[in-house]
Amino acid sequence: MLDIAPVADELAARFVAAGHRLYLVGGSVRDALLGRDEADSPRDLDFTTDARPAQILGILEGWADAVWETGIDFGTVGARRRGHVLEITTFRADAYDRVGRKPVVAFGDNITDDLVRRDFSVNAMAVELHSSPGERRFVDPYGGLAALAHGILDTPAAPEDSFADDPLRMLRAARFVSQLGFTPAPRVQQAMTEMSGELARIAAERVQAEFTKLMLGDHPRRAIELMVDTRLAEHVVPEVPAMRLAVDEHMQHKDVYTHSLVVMEQAIQRETDGPDLVLRLAALLHDIGKPATRRFEADGRVSFHHHEVVGAKMARKRLRELRFPKSVIDDVAQLVYLHLRFHGYGKGEWTDSAVRRYVTDAGPLLDRLHRLVRSDCTTRNRRRAAALQRSYDSLEERIEALRKQEELDAIRPDLDGNEIMELLGIPPGPLVGKAYKHLLAVRMERGPLERGEAEAELRHWAAEHGVAR
């Protein structure tokens, strides 16, 4: 017996009383079988029924806390009951034009035909519900339970037909690899490879939503490798498979692609508050600028000068095209831009000014930058790896010491804009900003100044720039 939310049995009693059948379907059944959700905690539940939309509305009347008809043209009625979000859809027997992704909506009359439309067999299981849990009936015409037990991702119908109906299902397959650790059936992987170009039919927003879920799963490396192997990545993040062409700067003949996957895994191990999309994306993309900057030097070595600058621009462009939120784009690009800065630290040669600038440039991303830089150490040379970690330990200790000394996170010039205008006798305008930036640079270089020192520095700058009271 599945551990199913009591609200589902309540709803079933109303459908049965009205002379209709109600089935719990899809991910709701899959997750119940996997024990991934607690039955009495609020969650989303999906149902299918032989009742038509108008009849569904009548059954929900007076019982649901809220009802919405956003998807009613496609046979779906939404409702809320005691915190649970319910979607009830009439049996479907749709056909797709296979040009866009718009189905010609057609209602079906049995559960078997409805389930064959679904993306994967593990999502094509159903439980027929009645007023009593003892009367439930498990429906599994396409081997979903066996596939679930073996961790296999297969389609109810031929994968070519399933993916032609909705190419996003190919990316969803990779998402389930990440989230659930499944392995695609050989015929599924073959169809994904042959039909990867069909993903171009899907809107960027829908691709981004699936890719985000994939990146936040438990096994994103396996999913990325599947995307690269099936050529799906060429239509989502083409910069990732392109990294297979590059050799790292130490001439170790490991491709940058594999290195980036290792960095992503090591960054995940350093997460402390759950999956971090920004950190994971930055780890995956931090070296995407290397193929474009690869140079073979006269001494036979390979260089990637300024790959962090090029990579930051590439990351920004790709994430923008995938319609990621601006905050995610900005943060990932900045981490890619900064990830190489630490390697100038050496054995502690940086001045306090350089340390301050490192922290200021990172801003609120500093903790993520720490994790990314430490994760970027993938050398097999244990002595070198230990030396790099000790060097970064030293940098973090200096940052903490300066933070305690100066409240480094909120670093500001010793005089604010109003004080600058008052001392120089100038109105608001660009000149105030230039003076402010100069004092900030002095603050970064020399640390906090006494009030008299700051005023003297400002007057000296004003004299040099012809600004006199």
Protein backbone atom coordinates (compact mmCIF):
# COMPACT_ATOMS: atom_id res chain seq x y z
CA MET A 1 0.00 0.00 0.00
CA LEU A 2 1.39 3.38 -1.00
CA ASP A 3 1.66 6.14 1.56
CA ILE A 4 -0.69 8.58 -0.16
CA ALA A 5 -2.02 11.86 1.23
CA PRO A 6 -5.47 11.47 2.89
CA VAL A 7 -6.71 14.39 0.79
CA ALA A 8 -6.47 12.12 -2.26
CA ASP A 9 -8.90 9.61 -0.76
CA GLU A 10 -11.28 12.42 0.18
CA LEU A 11 -11.27 13.63 -3.41
CA ALA A 12 -11.72 10.10 -4.73
CA ALA A 13 -14.83 9.62 -2.59
CA ARG A 14 -16.42 12.65 -4.26
CA PHE A 15 -15.58 11.38 -7.76
CA VAL A 16 -16.87 7.88 -7.03
CA ALA A 17 -20.08 9.33 -5.58
CA ALA A 18 -20.55 11.27 -8.83
CA GLY A 19 -20.07 8.09 -10.87
CA HIS A 20 -16.52 8.75 -12.07
CA ARG A 21 -13.07 7.21 -11.72
CA LEU A 22 -10.07 9.04 -10.29
CA TYR A 23 -6.42 8.05 -10.58
CA LEU A 24 -3.30 9.41 -8.90
CA VAL A 25 -0.68 9.56 -11.66
CA GLY A 26 2.80 10.54 -12.74
CA GLY A 27 5.47 11.85 -10.41
CA SER A 28 3.09 11.62 -7.47
CA VAL A 29 3.04 7.82 -7.76
CA ARG A 30 6.73 7.56 -8.61
CA ASP A 31 7.77 9.61 -5.60
CA ALA A 32 5.40 7.72 -3.30
CA LEU A 33 7.02 4.45 -4.41
CA LEU A 34 10.47 5.93 -3.84
CA GLY A 35 9.45 7.27 -0.43
CA ARG A 36 10.62 10.74 -1.43
CA ASP A 37 7.65 12.61 0.13
CA GLU A 38 5.67 12.40 3.32
CA ALA A 39 2.01 11.74 2.63
CA ASP A 40 0.60 14.22 5.13
CA SER A 41 2.90 17.14 4.22
CA PRO A 42 1.54 19.70 1.74
CA ARG A 43 2.65 18.95 -1.82
CA ASP A 44 1.54 18.86 -5.46
CA LEU A 45 -0.63 15.92 -6.55
CA ASP A 46 -1.58 14.99 -10.12
CA PHE A 47 -4.76 13.12 -11.00
CA THR A 48 -6.49 11.92 -14.14
CA THR A 49 -10.15 11.02 -14.55
CA ASP A 50 -12.86 10.06 -17.00
CA ALA A 51 -14.83 13.13 -15.89
CA ARG A 52 -14.88 16.08 -18.29
CA PRO A 53 -13.66 19.53 -17.11
CA ALA A 54 -17.17 20.87 -16.39
CA GLN A 55 -17.92 17.79 -14.30
CA ILE A 56 -14.62 18.18 -12.43
CA LEU A 57 -15.58 21.75 -11.52
CA GLY A 58 -18.91 20.53 -10.17
CA ILE A 59 -17.24 17.86 -8.01
CA LEU A 60 -14.77 20.37 -6.54
CA GLU A 61 -17.44 22.94 -5.72
CA GLY A 62 -17.86 23.37 -1.98
CA TRP A 63 -14.87 21.14 -1.19
CA ALA A 64 -11.74 22.85 -2.55
CA ASP A 65 -10.32 25.88 -0.77
CA ALA A 66 -9.60 27.43 -4.18
CA VAL A 67 -10.12 26.45 -7.82
CA TRP A 68 -8.54 27.82 -11.02
CA GLU A 69 -9.23 27.13 -14.68
CA THR A 70 -5.94 28.23 -16.27
CA GLY A 71 -5.48 24.93 -18.08
CA ILE A 72 -9.11 24.04 -18.65
CA ASP A 73 -8.75 24.25 -22.46
CA PHE A 74 -6.34 21.33 -22.13
CA GLY A 75 -8.63 19.45 -19.77
CA THR A 76 -6.89 20.47 -16.53
CA VAL A 77 -8.54 22.00 -13.46
CA GLY A 78 -6.38 23.20 -10.57
CA ALA A 79 -7.41 23.27 -6.93
CA ARG A 80 -6.04 23.76 -3.43
CA ARG A 81 -7.10 21.81 -0.36
CA ARG A 82 -5.39 22.09 3.06
CA GLY A 83 -2.11 23.26 1.53
CA HIS A 84 -2.03 20.61 -1.19
CA VAL A 85 -2.03 21.79 -4.81
CA LEU A 86 -4.09 19.43 -6.96
CA GLU A 87 -4.22 19.16 -10.76
CA ILE A 88 -7.03 17.03 -12.17
CA THR A 89 -6.95 16.30 -15.90
CA THR A 90 -9.43 14.47 -18.09
CA PHE A 91 -8.04 11.37 -19.85
CA ARG A 92 -6.10 12.60 -22.87
CA ALA A 93 -5.48 11.14 -26.33
CA ASP A 94 -3.70 14.10 -27.92
CA ALA A 95 -1.91 14.33 -31.23
CA TYR A 96 1.00 16.77 -31.82
CA ASP A 97 1.85 18.74 -34.94
CA ARG A 98 5.57 17.98 -34.32
CA VAL A 99 6.55 21.36 -35.67
CA GLY A 100 6.02 23.50 -32.62
CA ARG A 101 4.81 21.61 -29.62
CA LYS A 102 1.11 22.37 -29.62
CA PRO A 103 -1.17 19.38 -29.17
CA VAL A 104 -4.54 18.97 -30.80
CA VAL A 105 -6.46 18.37 -27.59
CA ALA A 106 -8.51 15.20 -27.63
CA PHE A 107 -10.06 13.58 -24.57
CA GLY A 108 -9.66 9.84 -24.11
CA ASP A 109 -11.86 7.29 -22.42
CA ASN A 110 -9.44 4.95 -20.59
CA ILE A 111 -6.39 5.08 -18.33
CA THR A 112 -4.18 2.86 -20.51
CA ASP A 113 -4.32 5.19 -23.52
CA ASP A 114 -3.76 8.17 -21.23
CA LEU A 115 -0.62 6.67 -19.67
CA VAL A 116 1.01 5.82 -23.00
CA ARG A 117 1.18 9.58 -23.75
CA ARG A 118 3.44 10.22 -20.77
CA ASP A 119 7.13 10.91 -20.99
CA PHE A 120 8.67 7.89 -19.21
CA SER A 121 7.41 4.56 -17.92
CA VAL A 122 8.32 5.51 -14.33
CA ASN A 123 5.84 8.37 -14.75
CA ALA A 124 3.25 6.17 -16.49
CA MET A 125 2.03 4.39 -13.38
CA ALA A 126 -1.28 5.17 -11.70
CA VAL A 127 -3.28 4.26 -8.61
CA GLU A 128 -7.04 4.06 -8.97
CA LEU A 129 -8.45 5.64 -5.84
CA HIS A 130 -11.65 4.94 -3.95
CA SER A 131 -13.10 6.19 -0.71
CA SER A 132 -11.13 3.55 1.20
CA PRO A 133 -7.34 2.90 0.90
CA GLY A 134 -8.11 -0.83 0.90
CA GLU A 135 -9.91 -0.51 -2.43
CA ARG A 136 -7.02 1.03 -4.34
CA ARG A 137 -5.81 -0.57 -7.58
CA PHE A 138 -2.28 -0.19 -8.96
CA VAL A 139 -2.14 0.35 -12.73
CA ASP A 140 1.18 -0.25 -14.53
CA PRO A 141 0.67 -1.25 -18.19
CA TYR A 142 4.15 -0.15 -19.35
CA GLY A 143 6.52 -1.69 -16.80
CA GLY A 144 7.12 1.43 -14.75
CA LEU A 145 7.59 -0.40 -11.44
CA ALA A 146 10.23 -2.72 -12.87
CA ALA A 147 12.00 0.25 -14.49
CA LEU A 148 11.90 2.08 -11.17
CA ALA A 149 13.34 -0.92 -9.33
CA HIS A 150 16.24 -1.17 -11.79
CA GLY A 151 16.78 2.58 -12.12
CA ILE A 152 16.08 2.49 -15.86
CA LEU A 153 14.61 5.41 -17.77
CA ASP A 154 12.50 4.17 -20.69
CA THR A 155 9.47 5.47 -22.58
CA PRO A 156 5.98 3.88 -22.66
CA ALA A 157 5.85 4.18 -26.46
CA ALA A 158 8.75 4.27 -28.90
CA PRO A 159 11.17 7.00 -27.74
CA GLU A 160 11.23 8.50 -31.23
CA ASP A 161 7.48 9.11 -31.03
CA SER A 162 7.67 10.44 -27.47
CA PHE A 163 10.49 12.89 -28.27
CA ALA A 164 8.89 13.98 -31.53
CA ASP A 165 5.77 14.93 -29.56
CA ASP A 166 7.82 16.96 -27.08
CA PRO A 167 11.60 17.30 -27.62
CA LEU A 168 11.98 18.76 -24.14
CA ARG A 169 11.54 15.20 -22.86
CA MET A 170 15.12 14.49 -23.98
CA LEU A 171 16.43 17.16 -21.62
CA ARG A 172 14.00 15.92 -18.99
CA ALA A 173 15.66 12.51 -19.29
CA ALA A 174 18.97 14.11 -18.35
CA ARG A 175 17.23 15.90 -15.50
CA PHE A 176 15.96 12.56 -14.09
CA VAL A 177 19.47 11.17 -14.36
CA SER A 178 20.61 14.04 -12.13
CA GLN A 179 17.70 14.01 -9.70
CA LEU A 180 17.06 10.28 -9.36
CA GLY A 181 20.26 8.63 -10.54
CA PHE A 182 18.49 6.75 -13.36
CA THR A 183 20.22 5.28 -16.42
CA PRO A 184 18.56 5.78 -19.82
CA ALA A 185 17.63 2.63 -21.72
CA PRO A 186 19.85 2.11 -24.80
CA ARG A 187 16.98 2.91 -27.18
CA VAL A 188 16.27 6.13 -25.28
CA GLN A 189 19.89 7.27 -25.45
CA GLN A 190 20.06 6.42 -29.14
CA ALA A 191 16.91 8.42 -29.86
CA MET A 192 18.25 11.35 -27.85
CA THR A 193 21.43 11.30 -29.93
CA GLU A 194 19.64 11.08 -33.26
CA MET A 195 17.01 13.70 -32.37
CA SER A 196 19.04 16.16 -30.30
CA GLY A 197 18.56 18.88 -32.89
CA GLU A 198 14.81 18.82 -32.28
CA LEU A 199 15.44 20.62 -29.00
CA ALA A 200 15.75 23.81 -31.06
CA ARG A 201 11.93 23.78 -31.31
CA ILE A 202 11.61 24.44 -27.57
CA ALA A 203 11.44 27.92 -26.05
CA ALA A 204 14.56 28.99 -24.15
CA GLU A 205 12.56 29.55 -20.96
CA ARG A 206 11.43 25.91 -20.88
CA VAL A 207 14.95 24.67 -21.61
CA GLN A 208 16.33 26.83 -18.81
CA ALA A 209 13.78 25.50 -16.32
CA GLU A 210 14.77 21.88 -17.03
CA PHE A 211 18.49 22.70 -17.05
CA THR A 212 18.19 24.47 -13.71
CA LYS A 213 16.51 21.44 -12.13
CA LEU A 214 19.22 19.25 -13.64
CA MET A 215 22.00 21.40 -12.17
CA LEU A 216 20.38 21.32 -8.73
CA GLY A 217 20.03 17.52 -8.69
CA ASP A 218 22.16 15.03 -6.79
CA HIS A 219 24.09 13.81 -9.85
CA PRO A 220 24.60 16.77 -12.23
CA ARG A 221 27.89 15.40 -13.57
CA ARG A 222 26.20 12.25 -14.87
CA ALA A 223 23.51 14.38 -16.50
CA ILE A 224 26.02 16.72 -18.16
CA GLU A 225 27.97 13.73 -19.48
CA LEU A 226 24.76 12.30 -20.94
CA MET A 227 23.98 15.65 -22.58
CA VAL A 228 27.45 15.78 -24.13
CA ASP A 229 27.39 12.14 -25.26
CA THR A 230 23.98 12.59 -26.94
CA ARG A 231 24.84 16.03 -28.39
CA LEU A 232 22.03 17.67 -26.43
CA ALA A 233 24.62 19.92 -24.80
CA GLU A 234 25.40 21.43 -28.21
CA HIS A 235 21.88 22.91 -28.17
CA VAL A 236 21.90 24.04 -24.50
CA VAL A 237 25.46 24.83 -23.40
CA PRO A 238 27.69 24.24 -26.46
CA GLU A 239 30.64 25.77 -24.64
CA VAL A 240 30.82 22.70 -22.38
CA PRO A 241 31.48 20.03 -25.04
CA ALA A 242 33.80 22.53 -26.76
CA MET A 243 36.14 22.26 -23.76
CA ARG A 244 37.08 18.75 -24.82
CA LEU A 245 39.37 20.36 -27.40
CA ALA A 246 41.60 22.10 -24.87
CA VAL A 247 44.62 20.82 -22.95
CA ASP A 248 45.29 22.41 -19.59
CA GLU A 249 48.21 24.77 -19.05
CA HIS A 250 50.31 22.17 -17.25
CA MET A 251 50.43 19.92 -20.35
CA GLN A 252 48.90 17.04 -18.41
CA HIS A 253 46.79 15.89 -21.36
CA LYS A 254 43.54 15.90 -19.44
CA ASP A 255 40.89 17.83 -21.25
CA VAL A 256 39.41 20.93 -19.68
CA TYR A 257 35.95 19.39 -19.98
CA THR A 258 36.77 16.59 -17.53
CA HIS A 259 38.55 19.05 -15.25
CA SER A 260 35.47 21.29 -15.16
CA LEU A 261 33.22 18.36 -14.19
CA VAL A 262 35.61 17.49 -11.36
CA VAL A 263 35.62 21.11 -10.18
CA MET A 264 31.82 21.11 -10.18
CA GLU A 265 31.76 17.92 -8.09
CA GLN A 266 34.28 19.34 -5.63
CA ALA A 267 32.31 22.58 -5.38
CA ILE A 268 29.16 20.59 -4.58
CA GLN A 269 31.02 18.86 -1.77
CA ARG A 270 31.74 22.30 -0.29
CA GLU A 271 28.09 23.43 -0.27
CA THR A 272 26.76 24.08 3.22
CA ASP A 273 23.17 25.30 2.73
CA GLY A 274 21.79 22.97 0.08
CA PRO A 275 22.27 23.07 -3.70
CA ASP A 276 23.78 26.35 -4.92
CA LEU A 277 22.88 27.05 -8.56
CA VAL A 278 25.28 29.98 -8.93
CA LEU A 279 28.25 28.04 -7.55
CA ARG A 280 27.50 24.98 -9.67
CA LEU A 281 27.12 26.98 -12.87
CA ALA A 282 30.30 28.92 -12.16
CA ALA A 283 32.22 25.70 -11.51
CA LEU A 284 30.95 24.12 -14.73
CA LEU A 285 31.65 27.22 -16.84
CA HIS A 286 34.77 28.65 -15.18
CA ASP A 287 37.13 27.50 -17.95
CA ILE A 288 34.90 27.87 -21.02
CA GLY A 289 37.19 30.65 -22.24
CA LYS A 290 40.14 28.28 -22.66
CA PRO A 291 39.43 26.92 -26.16
CA ALA A 292 39.18 30.45 -27.55
CA THR A 293 42.42 31.58 -25.86
CA ARG A 294 44.57 28.48 -26.39
CA ARG A 295 48.04 29.31 -27.72
CA PHE A 296 51.01 27.05 -28.41
CA GLU A 297 54.11 28.81 -27.11
CA ALA A 298 57.62 28.61 -28.59
CA ASP A 299 58.81 26.38 -25.75
CA GLY A 300 56.10 23.83 -26.54
CA ARG A 301 53.83 24.72 -23.67
CA VAL A 302 50.17 25.68 -24.02
CA SER A 303 48.81 28.95 -22.62
CA PHE A 304 45.33 30.32 -22.05
CA HIS A 305 46.04 33.98 -21.34
CA HIS A 306 43.02 35.99 -20.14
CA HIS A 307 40.71 33.00 -20.45
CA GLU A 308 38.90 34.21 -17.33
CA VAL A 309 37.99 37.50 -19.06
CA VAL A 310 36.84 35.77 -22.23
CA GLY A 311 35.06 33.08 -20.19
CA ALA A 312 33.11 35.61 -18.15
CA LYS A 313 31.79 37.22 -21.35
CA MET A 314 30.91 33.82 -22.80
CA ALA A 315 29.13 32.73 -19.61
CA ARG A 316 27.12 35.95 -19.55
CA LYS A 317 26.10 35.52 -23.21
CA ARG A 318 25.08 31.88 -22.80
CA LEU A 319 23.08 32.38 -19.60
CA ARG A 320 21.35 35.40 -21.10
CA GLU A 321 20.31 33.37 -24.14
CA LEU A 322 18.92 30.71 -21.80
CA ARG A 323 16.87 33.42 -20.06
CA PHE A 324 18.42 32.99 -16.62
CA PRO A 325 17.57 35.75 -14.11
CA LYS A 326 19.90 38.76 -14.27
CA SER A 327 21.12 38.17 -10.72
CA VAL A 328 22.25 34.64 -11.62
CA ILE A 329 23.94 35.85 -14.82
CA ASP A 330 25.82 38.63 -13.03
CA ASP A 331 26.99 36.41 -10.17
CA VAL A 332 28.15 33.53 -12.36
CA ALA A 333 30.00 35.84 -14.75
CA GLN A 334 31.75 37.60 -11.87
CA LEU A 335 32.87 34.32 -10.32
CA VAL A 336 34.24 33.14 -13.67
CA TYR A 337 36.05 36.47 -14.03
CA LEU A 338 37.60 36.27 -10.56
CA HIS A 339 38.40 32.55 -10.30
CA LEU A 340 42.00 32.95 -11.51
CA ARG A 341 42.87 36.01 -9.41
CA PHE A 342 44.14 33.96 -6.46
CA HIS A 343 46.98 32.42 -8.47
CA GLY A 344 48.82 35.74 -8.27
CA TYR A 345 48.91 35.40 -4.50
CA GLY A 346 51.86 32.99 -4.60
CA LYS A 347 53.17 32.33 -1.11
CA GLY A 348 51.63 35.44 0.35
CA GLU A 349 53.29 38.16 -1.70
CA TRP A 350 50.11 40.23 -1.94
CA THR A 351 50.03 43.53 -0.11
CA ASP A 352 47.14 44.34 2.22
CA SER A 353 45.87 46.57 -0.59
CA ALA A 354 45.69 43.59 -2.97
CA VAL A 355 43.85 41.53 -0.37
CA ARG A 356 41.36 44.36 0.18
CA ARG A 357 40.76 44.62 -3.55
CA TYR A 358 40.20 40.85 -3.83
CA VAL A 359 37.51 41.06 -1.17
CA THR A 360 35.95 44.22 -2.57
CA ASP A 361 35.78 42.84 -6.11
CA ALA A 362 34.16 39.64 -4.83
CA GLY A 363 31.70 41.51 -2.61
CA PRO A 364 28.86 39.24 -1.45
CA LEU A 365 30.27 36.44 -3.65
CA LEU A 366 33.37 36.04 -1.48
CA ASP A 367 32.30 32.80 0.21
CA ARG A 368 31.36 31.29 -3.15
CA LEU A 369 34.66 32.45 -4.61
CA HIS A 370 36.49 30.70 -1.76
CA ARG A 371 34.68 27.45 -2.58
CA LEU A 372 35.23 27.80 -6.33
CA VAL A 373 38.95 28.54 -6.06
CA ARG A 374 39.57 25.67 -3.66
CA SER A 375 37.57 23.34 -5.91
CA ASP A 376 39.64 24.41 -8.92
CA CYS A 377 42.64 22.57 -7.49
CA THR A 378 42.44 19.18 -9.25
CA THR A 379 46.15 18.37 -9.58
CA ARG A 380 47.17 14.79 -8.81
CA ASN A 381 50.45 16.07 -7.34
CA ARG A 382 49.67 15.83 -3.63
CA ARG A 383 52.49 18.14 -2.58
CA ARG A 384 51.38 20.83 -5.01
CA ALA A 385 47.73 20.42 -4.03
CA ALA A 386 48.59 20.72 -0.35
CA ALA A 387 50.70 23.80 -1.06
CA LEU A 388 47.84 25.47 -2.94
CA GLN A 389 45.39 24.77 -0.12
CA ARG A 390 47.87 26.11 2.46
CA SER A 391 48.34 29.22 0.36
CA TYR A 392 44.59 29.78 0.23
CA ASP A 393 44.37 29.14 3.98
CA SER A 394 46.87 31.98 4.37
CA LEU A 395 44.79 34.29 2.18
CA GLU A 396 41.60 33.53 4.09
CA GLU A 397 43.39 34.15 7.40
CA ARG A 398 44.59 37.53 6.16
CA ILE A 399 41.12 38.40 4.93
CA GLU A 400 39.65 37.55 8.32
CA ALA A 401 42.30 39.58 10.12
CA LEU A 402 41.66 42.60 7.92
CA ARG A 403 37.91 42.16 8.28
CA LYS A 404 38.16 42.32 12.05
CA GLN A 405 40.49 45.29 11.82
CA GLU A 406 38.59 47.36 9.28
CA GLU A 407 35.11 45.89 8.74
CA LEU A 408 36.33 45.07 5.25
CA ASP A 409 32.98 43.92 3.91
CA ALA A 410 31.57 47.45 4.09
CA ILE A 411 34.68 49.32 2.96
CA ARG A 412 34.03 52.96 2.11
CA PRO A 413 36.16 56.09 1.61
CA ASP A 414 36.93 58.03 4.75
CA LEU A 415 34.78 60.95 3.52
CA ASP A 416 31.31 60.61 2.04
CA GLY A 417 29.81 62.59 -0.85
CA ASN A 418 28.30 65.31 1.36
CA GLU A 419 31.62 65.88 3.12
CA ILE A 420 33.44 66.06 -0.22
CA MET A 421 31.02 68.70 -1.52
CA GLU A 422 31.29 70.71 1.68
CA LEU A 423 35.11 70.65 1.82
CA LEU A 424 35.57 71.49 -1.87
CA GLY A 425 32.57 73.78 -2.18
CA ILE A 426 31.22 72.00 -5.25
CA PRO A 427 27.67 71.00 -6.19
CA PRO A 428 26.47 67.43 -6.86
CA GLY A 429 27.80 66.06 -10.14
CA PRO A 430 30.44 63.90 -11.83
CA LEU A 431 33.27 65.70 -10.05
CA VAL A 432 32.03 64.44 -6.68
CA GLY A 433 32.08 60.89 -8.03
CA LYS A 434 35.66 61.27 -9.26
CA ALA A 435 36.79 62.56 -5.88
CA TYR A 436 34.93 59.73 -4.15
CA LYS A 437 36.63 57.11 -6.36
CA HIS A 438 40.04 58.65 -5.63
CA LEU A 439 39.47 58.48 -1.88
CA LEU A 440 38.26 54.89 -2.24
CA ALA A 441 41.46 53.97 -4.09
CA VAL A 442 43.52 55.62 -1.34
CA ARG A 443 41.51 53.74 1.26
CA MET A 444 42.16 50.46 -0.55
CA GLU A 445 45.87 51.20 -0.78
CA ARG A 446 46.61 52.62 2.65
CA GLY A 447 43.78 51.43 4.87
CA PRO A 448 41.72 53.74 7.14
CA LEU A 449 42.88 57.37 7.38
CA GLU A 450 42.48 59.82 10.21
CA ARG A 451 40.03 62.63 9.48
CA GLY A 452 42.78 65.17 8.95
CA GLU A 453 44.70 62.85 6.62
CA ALA A 454 41.62 62.20 4.52
CA GLU A 455 40.89 65.93 4.19
CA ALA A 456 44.49 66.65 3.25
CA GLU A 457 44.41 63.89 0.62
CA LEU A 458 41.20 65.32 -0.84
CA ARG A 459 42.62 68.85 -1.01
CA HIS A 460 45.80 67.53 -2.66
CA TRP A 461 43.72 65.71 -5.27
CA ALA A 462 41.59 68.83 -5.83
CA ALA A 463 44.67 70.98 -6.38
CA GLU A 464 46.07 68.52 -8.91
CA HIS A 465 42.78 68.57 -10.83
CA GLY A 466 42.22 72.28 -10.70
CA VAL A 467 39.38 72.09 -8.19
CA ALA A 468 39.87 74.89 -5.69
CA ARG A 469 37.46 76.41 -3.25
